[in-house]
């Protein structure tokens, strides 16, 4: 029978060709059966399992551990970002049924402006409880602080429950012209839904895994945002400021501000339930513009009387330093800022002008030879007139003396004329002693000027004696000579 051999193009190994014998047919080519393919099913199954294992391992590094919850919301198996979204959505969609005065009205967490720091809590959950750490699975719940937006919550609730709301009246502070001080008006409480209690109820419901709750819509007392204590503290601050308010040169309150004027500068403003002091820079500027007339002054020179030794015997004029107001371009704004901070003392920049000092060296010259008295100031005779000095054995003593005791009127002598000095003269005017019982004084009992007539004193016309008395302080030098 014909042998079967593989064809040369049958992708097989080729054998030798045997020619046919007589009477036999030519050999037939038979195709070679292909080599059976190997099956790799086991390999592919192994690879798939390996990939799944690797994927699970990789996922475990970015996911939160099973059993983890944030504020009662399960977040196990989620990434921190997805967990934050779930918690936020759960809180926003939580339904609150208002009972009582609420007549079963329903609001959501979103209507109340409910928020929680979901991203921070999710990051905390992943950091403490990653999926890869099997020991951190099924942890204790992570609590979160839920807050409500007061304005949004009250607006939403007021719209649904108008009967539960009555506005509170804040305590206030106002200037009273009669007492020239700031007084307070009391706060009056209002009513509204208790947001603190509602927040606690939402927190508890979520912690229990709930997504809805019931809460009373009945009115609760709502204290005024600005209470009596806060108003009293602001009034006290303002009244303290009124006691010191003004423009100062050093420690001197050079320009005090009347409380009624200060009240036009200051306003108590209620800003979101807090009282603050606001100063009007424009009103202050009007006073600043008038400051030069009140602050500027010329120097006043000092003038004093001295004796020959330079001792100051009397200050005729006290010296006063002059001053000129400096730059005031920012004074109003500076003072406004200080007043708003509670400081009512505004220093002024001034340039000082020193005063000069003048001394008047005074002395009295008594010339017994010419029977004259001369008033001398800084070496110049101011005035001179005739007098009557001591006569005979009672002649006035010569020498250098000083004015001691002075009196505007005095009895001289002895009413008992039988005893020394055997004379008596009542009410002698303008007496100035300079040497024991020798004095300069006025004489009303004679006018014999230029002639010695006394018992040692130097008498003169009354008007001259009065002028000299006023011109001469104690301590002035008296020179008596011929």
Protein backbone atom coordinates (compact mmCIF):
# COMPACT_ATOMS: atom_id res chain seq x y z
CA UNK A 1 0.00 0.00 0.00
CA UNK A 2 1.10 3.42 -0.64
CA UNK A 3 3.25 4.89 2.16
CA UNK A 4 2.26 8.17 3.71
CA UNK A 5 4.95 10.68 3.93
CA UNK A 6 4.86 14.27 4.90
CA UNK A 7 4.69 16.86 2.17
CA UNK A 8 7.65 19.10 1.97
CA UNK A 9 5.54 22.22 2.63
CA UNK A 10 3.71 20.74 5.53
CA UNK A 11 5.96 22.46 8.04
CA UNK A 12 7.38 19.09 9.09
CA UNK A 13 10.70 17.28 8.84
CA UNK A 14 11.14 15.72 5.34
CA UNK A 15 12.05 11.96 4.68
CA UNK A 16 13.56 10.25 1.58
CA UNK A 17 11.23 9.62 -1.42
CA UNK A 18 10.82 5.90 -2.60
CA UNK A 19 9.78 5.49 -6.25
CA UNK A 20 6.72 3.20 -6.87
CA UNK A 21 7.14 -0.48 -7.98
CA UNK A 22 5.55 -1.87 -11.15
CA UNK A 23 1.79 -1.94 -10.79
CA UNK A 24 1.78 0.39 -7.74
CA UNK A 25 0.35 3.80 -7.67
CA UNK A 26 2.36 6.86 -6.83
CA UNK A 27 2.67 7.65 -3.13
CA UNK A 28 0.17 10.15 -1.65
CA UNK A 29 1.26 13.06 0.51
CA UNK A 30 -0.53 13.22 3.86
CA UNK A 31 -0.47 16.39 5.86
CA UNK A 32 1.25 16.25 9.21
CA UNK A 33 -0.98 16.78 12.17
CA UNK A 34 -0.07 19.97 14.02
CA UNK A 35 1.60 19.68 17.34
CA UNK A 36 -1.01 20.12 20.09
CA UNK A 37 -0.85 23.64 21.77
CA UNK A 38 -0.02 23.80 25.48
CA UNK A 39 -2.80 25.14 27.75
CA UNK A 40 -1.90 28.04 30.14
CA UNK A 41 -5.15 28.31 32.13
CA UNK A 42 -3.45 27.72 35.45
CA UNK A 43 -0.92 30.43 34.73
CA UNK A 44 -3.57 33.05 33.88
CA UNK A 45 -5.60 32.24 36.97
CA UNK A 46 -2.49 32.66 39.08
CA UNK A 47 -1.70 36.04 37.50
CA UNK A 48 -5.25 37.28 38.09
CA UNK A 49 -5.15 36.28 41.72
CA UNK A 50 -1.81 38.01 42.09
CA UNK A 51 -3.09 41.21 40.49
CA UNK A 52 -6.11 41.20 42.76
CA UNK A 53 -3.91 40.68 45.76
CA UNK A 54 -1.61 43.51 44.74
CA UNK A 55 -4.62 45.78 44.09
CA UNK A 56 -6.09 45.01 47.47
CA UNK A 57 -2.76 45.69 49.13
CA UNK A 58 -2.44 48.99 47.29
CA UNK A 59 -6.00 49.98 48.12
CA UNK A 60 -5.42 49.25 51.76
CA UNK A 61 -2.83 52.03 51.84
CA UNK A 62 -5.32 54.76 50.85
CA UNK A 63 -8.56 53.60 52.48
CA UNK A 64 -9.97 54.02 55.96
CA UNK A 65 -10.28 50.88 58.07
CA UNK A 66 -13.59 48.99 58.15
CA UNK A 67 -15.91 49.87 61.01
CA UNK A 68 -14.71 53.47 61.25
CA UNK A 69 -17.35 56.18 61.72
CA UNK A 70 -17.19 59.99 61.95
CA UNK A 71 -19.94 61.72 63.92
CA UNK A 72 -21.98 58.53 63.57
CA UNK A 73 -21.52 58.28 59.78
CA UNK A 74 -19.79 55.03 58.58
CA UNK A 75 -16.71 55.80 56.46
CA UNK A 76 -14.88 52.43 56.45
CA UNK A 77 -13.43 51.47 53.07
CA UNK A 78 -13.46 55.07 51.79
CA UNK A 79 -10.67 57.44 50.95
CA UNK A 80 -10.40 60.51 53.22
CA UNK A 81 -11.81 62.72 50.46
CA UNK A 82 -14.78 60.44 49.84
CA UNK A 83 -15.33 60.10 53.60
CA UNK A 84 -15.44 63.89 54.00
CA UNK A 85 -18.02 64.15 51.21
CA UNK A 86 -20.19 61.44 52.76
CA UNK A 87 -20.15 63.03 56.20
CA UNK A 88 -20.89 66.49 54.80
CA UNK A 89 -23.76 65.19 52.66
CA UNK A 90 -25.21 63.18 55.53
CA UNK A 91 -25.27 66.24 57.80
CA UNK A 92 -26.75 68.47 55.09
CA UNK A 93 -29.53 65.96 54.34
CA UNK A 94 -30.42 65.22 57.97
CA UNK A 95 -34.10 66.10 58.48
CA UNK A 96 -35.39 67.83 61.60
CA UNK A 97 -39.11 67.69 62.28
CA UNK A 98 -40.22 70.62 64.43
CA UNK A 99 -42.83 69.60 66.96
CA UNK A 100 -45.04 71.66 69.25
CA UNK A 101 -45.31 75.20 67.94
CA UNK A 102 -43.54 73.92 64.84
CA UNK A 103 -46.68 72.11 63.65
CA UNK A 104 -44.50 69.35 62.21
CA UNK A 105 -42.52 71.60 59.91
CA UNK A 106 -39.39 69.99 58.48
CA UNK A 107 -35.99 71.56 57.88
CA UNK A 108 -32.66 70.04 56.87
CA UNK A 109 -29.16 70.51 58.15
CA UNK A 110 -28.44 72.54 55.03
CA UNK A 111 -31.36 74.89 55.87
CA UNK A 112 -29.75 75.55 59.24
CA UNK A 113 -26.24 76.05 57.88
CA UNK A 114 -25.03 72.92 59.71
CA UNK A 115 -21.31 72.31 59.24
CA UNK A 116 -18.60 70.00 60.54
CA UNK A 117 -14.89 69.95 59.77
CA UNK A 118 -15.35 66.76 57.78
CA UNK A 119 -12.06 66.86 55.89
CA UNK A 120 -9.96 67.27 59.01
CA UNK A 121 -11.87 64.48 60.75
CA UNK A 122 -11.50 62.21 57.70
CA UNK A 123 -7.75 62.85 57.60
CA UNK A 124 -7.63 62.07 61.32
CA UNK A 125 -9.60 58.86 60.77
CA UNK A 126 -7.23 57.68 58.04
CA UNK A 127 -4.12 58.64 60.00
CA UNK A 128 -5.31 56.70 63.06
CA UNK A 129 -7.17 53.87 61.33
CA UNK A 130 -5.75 52.98 57.88
CA UNK A 131 -7.13 49.83 56.27
CA UNK A 132 -3.71 48.22 55.98
CA UNK A 133 -3.42 48.11 59.75
CA UNK A 134 -5.83 45.35 60.72
CA UNK A 135 -5.32 46.12 64.38
CA UNK A 136 -7.03 49.47 63.83
CA UNK A 137 -10.22 47.98 62.35
CA UNK A 138 -13.54 48.52 64.13
CA UNK A 139 -12.32 51.51 66.22
CA UNK A 140 -14.29 53.66 68.61
CA UNK A 141 -16.47 56.28 66.80
CA UNK A 142 -14.76 59.57 66.02
CA UNK A 143 -16.78 62.48 67.43
CA UNK A 144 -17.10 65.77 65.56
CA UNK A 145 -18.29 69.22 66.54
CA UNK A 146 -21.38 70.29 64.62
CA UNK A 147 -22.15 74.01 64.36
CA UNK A 148 -25.14 75.88 63.00
CA UNK A 149 -24.98 79.26 61.24
CA UNK A 150 -26.99 81.43 63.70
CA UNK A 151 -28.19 83.93 61.12
CA UNK A 152 -29.20 81.33 58.52
CA UNK A 153 -30.73 79.00 61.12
CA UNK A 154 -32.82 81.71 62.78
CA UNK A 155 -33.93 83.08 59.40
CA UNK A 156 -35.09 79.62 58.31
CA UNK A 157 -36.79 78.86 61.61
CA UNK A 158 -38.38 82.31 61.90
CA UNK A 159 -39.98 81.85 58.48
CA UNK A 160 -41.51 78.52 59.56
CA UNK A 161 -42.28 79.49 63.19
CA UNK A 162 -43.05 83.22 63.33
CA UNK A 163 -44.97 82.86 66.60
CA UNK A 164 -41.87 81.49 68.35
CA UNK A 165 -39.79 84.57 67.59
CA UNK A 166 -39.72 87.95 69.31
CA UNK A 167 -36.65 90.13 68.84
CA UNK A 168 -34.53 90.93 71.89
CA UNK A 169 -33.52 94.54 72.60
CA UNK A 170 -29.82 95.15 73.16
CA UNK A 171 -28.58 97.18 76.11
CA UNK A 172 -27.41 100.60 74.94
CA UNK A 173 -25.20 103.53 75.92
CA UNK A 174 -26.10 107.19 75.30
CA UNK A 175 -24.88 110.62 76.46
CA UNK A 176 -27.11 112.40 78.98
CA UNK A 177 -26.80 116.20 78.71
CA UNK A 178 -28.30 116.81 82.17
CA UNK A 179 -25.67 114.79 84.02
CA UNK A 180 -22.99 115.37 81.36
CA UNK A 181 -22.24 111.67 81.42
CA UNK A 182 -22.97 108.44 79.58
CA UNK A 183 -25.87 106.34 80.87
CA UNK A 184 -27.11 102.87 79.90
CA UNK A 185 -30.45 101.51 78.77
CA UNK A 186 -31.27 97.94 79.89
CA UNK A 187 -31.39 94.88 77.67
CA UNK A 188 -34.72 93.11 77.08
CA UNK A 189 -34.71 89.37 76.32
CA UNK A 190 -36.58 88.01 73.30
CA UNK A 191 -37.70 84.52 72.27
CA UNK A 192 -36.68 82.03 69.61
CA UNK A 193 -35.78 78.38 68.99
CA UNK A 194 -32.94 77.20 71.21
CA UNK A 195 -30.09 76.67 68.72
CA UNK A 196 -27.72 75.27 71.35
CA UNK A 197 -30.24 72.58 72.22
CA UNK A 198 -30.97 71.92 68.56
CA UNK A 199 -27.26 71.52 67.80
CA UNK A 200 -26.91 69.02 70.65
CA UNK A 201 -29.92 67.08 69.39
CA UNK A 202 -28.52 66.84 65.86
CA UNK A 203 -25.15 65.72 67.22
CA UNK A 204 -26.80 63.00 69.33
CA UNK A 205 -28.98 61.77 66.45
CA UNK A 206 -26.02 61.41 64.09
CA UNK A 207 -23.99 59.66 66.78
CA UNK A 208 -26.81 57.12 67.02
CA UNK A 209 -26.67 56.54 63.27
CA UNK A 210 -29.91 58.41 62.56
CA UNK A 211 -30.54 60.70 59.62
CA UNK A 212 -33.63 62.38 61.09
CA UNK A 213 -34.89 63.64 64.44
CA UNK A 214 -37.70 65.58 66.09
CA UNK A 215 -37.12 68.79 68.03
CA UNK A 216 -39.44 71.26 69.76
CA UNK A 217 -40.22 74.47 67.91
CA UNK A 218 -41.66 76.11 71.04
CA UNK A 219 -40.23 79.54 71.93
CA UNK A 220 -37.33 79.68 74.37
CA UNK A 221 -35.88 82.79 76.02
CA UNK A 222 -33.25 84.44 73.83
CA UNK A 223 -30.97 86.84 75.73
CA UNK A 224 -30.07 90.08 73.96
CA UNK A 225 -26.64 89.87 72.28
CA UNK A 226 -25.56 93.01 74.13
CA UNK A 227 -26.21 92.60 77.84
CA UNK A 228 -26.35 95.07 80.70
CA UNK A 229 -22.83 94.26 81.91
CA UNK A 230 -21.26 95.00 78.53
CA UNK A 231 -23.14 98.31 78.23
CA UNK A 232 -22.12 99.30 81.78
CA UNK A 233 -18.46 98.59 80.97
CA UNK A 234 -18.59 100.78 77.85
CA UNK A 235 -20.33 103.60 79.76
CA UNK A 236 -17.69 103.45 82.49
CA UNK A 237 -14.91 103.64 79.91
CA UNK A 238 -16.51 106.67 78.26
CA UNK A 239 -17.10 108.49 81.56
CA UNK A 240 -13.49 107.87 82.55
CA UNK A 241 -12.43 109.36 79.22
CA UNK A 242 -14.60 112.44 79.81
CA UNK A 243 -12.67 113.18 83.00
CA UNK A 244 -9.36 113.44 81.13
CA UNK A 245 -10.23 114.23 77.52
CA UNK A 246 -8.23 117.06 76.01
CA UNK A 247 -5.05 118.20 74.30
CA UNK A 248 -1.99 118.14 76.53
CA UNK A 249 1.33 119.95 76.62
CA UNK A 250 3.38 117.71 78.89
CA UNK A 251 1.28 116.93 81.95
CA UNK A 252 -0.84 120.07 81.50
CA UNK A 253 -4.30 119.67 79.98
CA UNK A 254 -3.88 122.82 77.93
CA UNK A 255 -7.15 122.48 76.01
CA UNK A 256 -9.83 120.57 77.97
CA UNK A 257 -12.80 119.30 75.98
CA UNK A 258 -16.27 119.87 77.40
CA UNK A 259 -18.23 116.60 77.83
CA UNK A 260 -21.02 117.88 75.58
CA UNK A 261 -18.48 118.59 72.83
CA UNK A 262 -16.81 115.21 73.34
CA UNK A 263 -20.21 113.56 72.95
CA UNK A 264 -20.45 115.01 69.42
CA UNK A 265 -17.14 113.31 68.63
CA UNK A 266 -17.99 109.87 70.02
CA UNK A 267 -20.60 107.34 68.99
CA UNK A 268 -21.34 103.95 70.52
CA UNK A 269 -21.95 101.49 67.68
CA UNK A 270 -23.50 98.01 67.94
CA UNK A 271 -21.49 95.82 65.57
CA UNK A 272 -22.88 92.29 65.38
CA UNK A 273 -23.83 92.23 69.04
CA UNK A 274 -20.72 93.98 70.34
CA UNK A 275 -20.49 97.62 71.41
CA UNK A 276 -17.59 99.69 70.17
CA UNK A 277 -16.60 103.36 70.32
CA UNK A 278 -16.29 105.20 67.01
CA UNK A 279 -14.75 108.69 66.84
CA UNK A 280 -15.69 111.31 64.23
CA UNK A 281 -12.44 112.66 62.78
CA UNK A 282 -14.25 115.52 61.01
CA UNK A 283 -15.80 116.76 64.27
CA UNK A 284 -12.42 116.60 66.01
CA UNK A 285 -10.82 118.58 63.17
CA UNK A 286 -12.98 121.62 63.98
CA UNK A 287 -11.38 121.82 67.44
CA UNK A 288 -7.91 121.12 66.03
CA UNK A 289 -8.31 124.12 63.70
CA UNK A 290 -8.86 126.38 66.72
CA UNK A 291 -5.91 125.04 68.72
CA UNK A 292 -3.30 127.71 67.76
CA UNK A 293 -5.31 130.45 69.48
CA UNK A 294 -5.58 128.36 72.64
CA UNK A 295 -2.02 126.98 72.70
CA UNK A 296 0.30 129.62 71.27
CA UNK A 297 1.56 132.26 73.70
CA UNK A 298 4.33 134.79 73.93
CA UNK A 299 7.01 134.43 76.56
CA UNK A 300 6.60 136.56 79.70
CA UNK A 301 9.89 137.84 81.08
CA UNK A 302 10.58 137.41 84.78
CA UNK A 303 11.21 140.51 86.92
CA UNK A 304 12.37 140.59 90.53
CA UNK A 305 13.71 143.02 93.12
CA UNK A 306 17.12 142.32 94.66
CA UNK A 307 19.36 144.01 97.21
CA UNK A 308 22.98 144.99 96.77
CA UNK A 309 24.04 141.39 97.45
CA UNK A 310 21.85 140.01 94.66
CA UNK A 311 19.34 138.37 97.01
CA UNK A 312 15.85 138.21 95.49
CA UNK A 313 13.58 140.17 97.81
CA UNK A 314 10.37 140.17 95.80
CA UNK A 315 9.23 138.59 92.54
CA UNK A 316 7.38 141.23 90.60
CA UNK A 317 6.57 139.08 87.57
CA UNK A 318 6.87 135.32 87.26
CA UNK A 319 8.57 134.19 84.07
CA UNK A 320 6.42 132.21 81.64
CA UNK A 321 7.88 130.18 78.79
CA UNK A 322 6.34 130.95 75.42
CA UNK A 323 5.23 128.21 73.04
CA UNK A 324 4.23 127.67 69.43
CA UNK A 325 2.04 124.78 68.27
CA UNK A 326 3.76 122.30 65.95
CA UNK A 327 2.44 120.19 63.07
CA UNK A 328 -1.28 119.33 63.38
CA UNK A 329 -1.85 117.73 59.97
CA UNK A 330 -2.58 114.26 61.43
CA UNK A 331 -3.77 115.35 64.86
CA UNK A 332 -7.49 114.72 64.27
CA UNK A 333 -6.94 111.21 62.90
CA UNK A 334 -4.41 110.41 65.63
CA UNK A 335 -6.82 111.52 68.34
CA UNK A 336 -9.72 109.61 66.76
CA UNK A 337 -7.65 106.42 66.85
CA UNK A 338 -6.69 106.96 70.50
CA UNK A 339 -10.29 107.67 71.51
CA UNK A 340 -11.54 104.49 69.87
CA UNK A 341 -8.94 102.61 71.92
CA UNK A 342 -10.17 104.30 75.14
CA UNK A 343 -7.34 106.85 75.51
CA UNK A 344 -8.56 110.46 75.83
CA UNK A 345 -5.17 112.16 76.30
CA UNK A 346 -3.77 113.68 73.09
CA UNK A 347 -0.25 115.17 73.40
CA UNK A 348 0.61 118.29 71.42
CA UNK A 349 3.91 119.05 69.76
CA UNK A 350 5.06 122.56 70.70
CA UNK A 351 8.19 124.63 70.34
CA UNK A 352 9.12 126.47 73.55
CA UNK A 353 10.30 130.08 73.66
CA UNK A 354 12.40 130.80 76.77
CA UNK A 355 11.76 133.90 78.86
CA UNK A 356 14.33 136.49 79.96
CA UNK A 357 14.94 137.44 83.57
CA UNK A 358 15.33 141.04 84.74
CA UNK A 359 16.53 142.05 88.22
CA UNK A 360 15.93 145.43 89.82
CA UNK A 361 18.65 146.16 92.39
CA UNK A 362 17.05 148.70 94.72
CA UNK A 363 18.52 150.77 97.51
CA UNK A 364 17.64 153.84 99.59
CA UNK A 365 20.10 156.69 100.02
CA UNK A 366 19.62 159.09 102.97
CA UNK A 367 21.77 162.23 102.72
CA UNK A 368 21.73 163.92 106.07
CA UNK A 369 23.69 166.88 104.72
CA UNK A 370 21.04 167.74 102.13
CA UNK A 371 18.14 166.23 104.11
CA UNK A 372 17.07 164.17 101.10
CA UNK A 373 16.01 160.59 100.48
CA UNK A 374 16.68 159.04 97.06
CA UNK A 375 15.19 155.81 95.69
CA UNK A 376 17.83 154.16 93.48
CA UNK A 377 17.22 151.29 91.03
CA UNK A 378 20.10 149.61 89.16
CA UNK A 379 22.28 152.60 90.01
CA UNK A 380 19.79 155.18 88.71
CA UNK A 381 17.88 157.59 90.94
CA UNK A 382 14.18 156.91 90.41
CA UNK A 383 12.91 159.66 92.72
CA UNK A 384 14.17 161.99 95.47
CA UNK A 385 12.56 164.36 97.98
CA UNK A 386 13.25 166.41 101.11
CA UNK A 387 12.90 164.84 104.53
CA UNK A 388 13.35 165.69 108.23
CA UNK A 389 15.90 163.48 110.01
CA UNK A 390 16.85 163.24 113.67
CA UNK A 391 17.82 166.48 115.35
CA UNK A 392 20.52 167.34 117.89
CA UNK A 393 21.46 164.53 120.22
CA UNK A 394 18.82 162.37 118.48
CA UNK A 395 20.50 162.75 115.10
CA UNK A 396 20.00 159.80 112.75
CA UNK A 397 22.93 157.39 112.84
CA UNK A 398 25.05 157.00 109.74
CA UNK A 399 25.98 153.61 108.30
CA UNK A 400 24.85 150.79 105.98
CA UNK A 401 21.63 149.07 106.99
CA UNK A 402 18.71 147.05 105.57
CA UNK A 403 14.98 147.50 105.79
CA UNK A 404 13.66 145.16 108.46
CA UNK A 405 10.17 145.18 109.88
CA UNK A 406 7.46 147.13 108.07
CA UNK A 407 3.98 148.24 109.11
CA UNK A 408 1.43 150.45 107.43
CA UNK A 409 0.49 152.23 110.69
CA UNK A 410 1.81 152.40 114.23
CA UNK A 411 1.65 154.47 117.42
CA UNK A 412 5.07 155.92 118.29
CA UNK A 413 6.40 157.25 121.61
CA UNK A 414 4.80 156.90 125.03
CA UNK A 415 1.34 158.11 125.98
CA UNK A 416 2.79 158.90 129.42
CA UNK A 417 4.76 161.93 128.42
CA UNK A 418 6.50 162.01 131.80
CA UNK A 419 8.53 159.03 130.70
CA UNK A 420 11.01 158.61 127.82
CA UNK A 421 10.92 159.20 125.02
CA UNK A 422 8.63 161.96 126.30
CA UNK A 423 6.53 162.17 123.15
CA UNK A 424 3.59 160.35 121.70
CA UNK A 425 2.41 160.25 118.09
CA UNK A 426 -0.50 157.93 117.26
CA UNK A 427 -1.13 156.27 113.86
CA UNK A 428 2.19 157.04 112.23
CA UNK A 429 1.78 155.81 108.63
CA UNK A 430 4.03 153.76 106.33
CA UNK A 431 6.71 152.78 108.82
CA UNK A 432 9.92 150.96 107.74
CA UNK A 433 12.58 150.27 110.39
CA UNK A 434 16.21 150.09 109.24
CA UNK A 435 18.36 150.59 112.38
CA UNK A 436 16.96 149.62 115.74
CA UNK A 437 14.17 152.10 116.51
CA UNK A 438 15.14 154.39 113.62
CA UNK A 439 12.62 154.23 110.77
CA UNK A 440 11.48 155.87 107.60
CA UNK A 441 7.82 156.98 107.91
CA UNK A 442 5.22 159.48 106.90
CA UNK A 443 4.61 162.67 108.89
CA UNK A 444 1.22 164.38 109.19
CA UNK A 445 2.04 166.78 112.07
CA UNK A 446 4.41 169.15 110.26
CA UNK A 447 5.71 169.99 106.80
CA UNK A 448 9.07 171.52 107.69
CA UNK A 449 10.99 169.42 105.16
CA UNK A 450 14.72 169.84 104.81
CA UNK A 451 15.15 170.53 108.56
CA UNK A 452 16.12 167.90 111.17
CA UNK A 453 13.20 167.61 113.63
CA UNK A 454 12.74 164.04 114.82
CA UNK A 455 13.96 161.77 117.59
CA UNK A 456 16.13 159.81 115.12
CA UNK A 457 13.60 158.73 112.46
CA UNK A 458 13.50 160.06 108.93
CA UNK A 459 10.14 161.70 108.36
CA UNK A 460 8.69 162.62 104.95
CA UNK A 461 5.44 163.61 103.25
CA UNK A 462 2.76 160.94 103.55
CA UNK A 463 2.37 160.38 99.82
CA UNK A 464 6.14 159.97 99.43
CA UNK A 465 6.25 157.61 102.41
CA UNK A 466 3.45 155.46 100.94
CA UNK A 467 5.16 155.25 97.54
CA UNK A 468 8.48 154.29 99.15
CA UNK A 469 6.74 151.73 101.38
CA UNK A 470 5.24 149.98 98.35
CA UNK A 471 8.46 150.27 96.32
CA UNK A 472 10.70 148.79 99.04
CA UNK A 473 10.61 145.13 100.13
CA UNK A 474 12.22 144.01 103.35
CA UNK A 475 15.97 143.50 102.86
CA UNK A 476 16.64 146.59 100.68
CA UNK A 477 19.91 148.30 101.59
CA UNK A 478 19.74 151.72 103.29
CA UNK A 479 22.78 153.98 103.22
CA UNK A 480 22.85 156.90 105.70
CA UNK A 481 25.59 159.49 105.30
CA UNK A 482 26.48 163.18 105.22
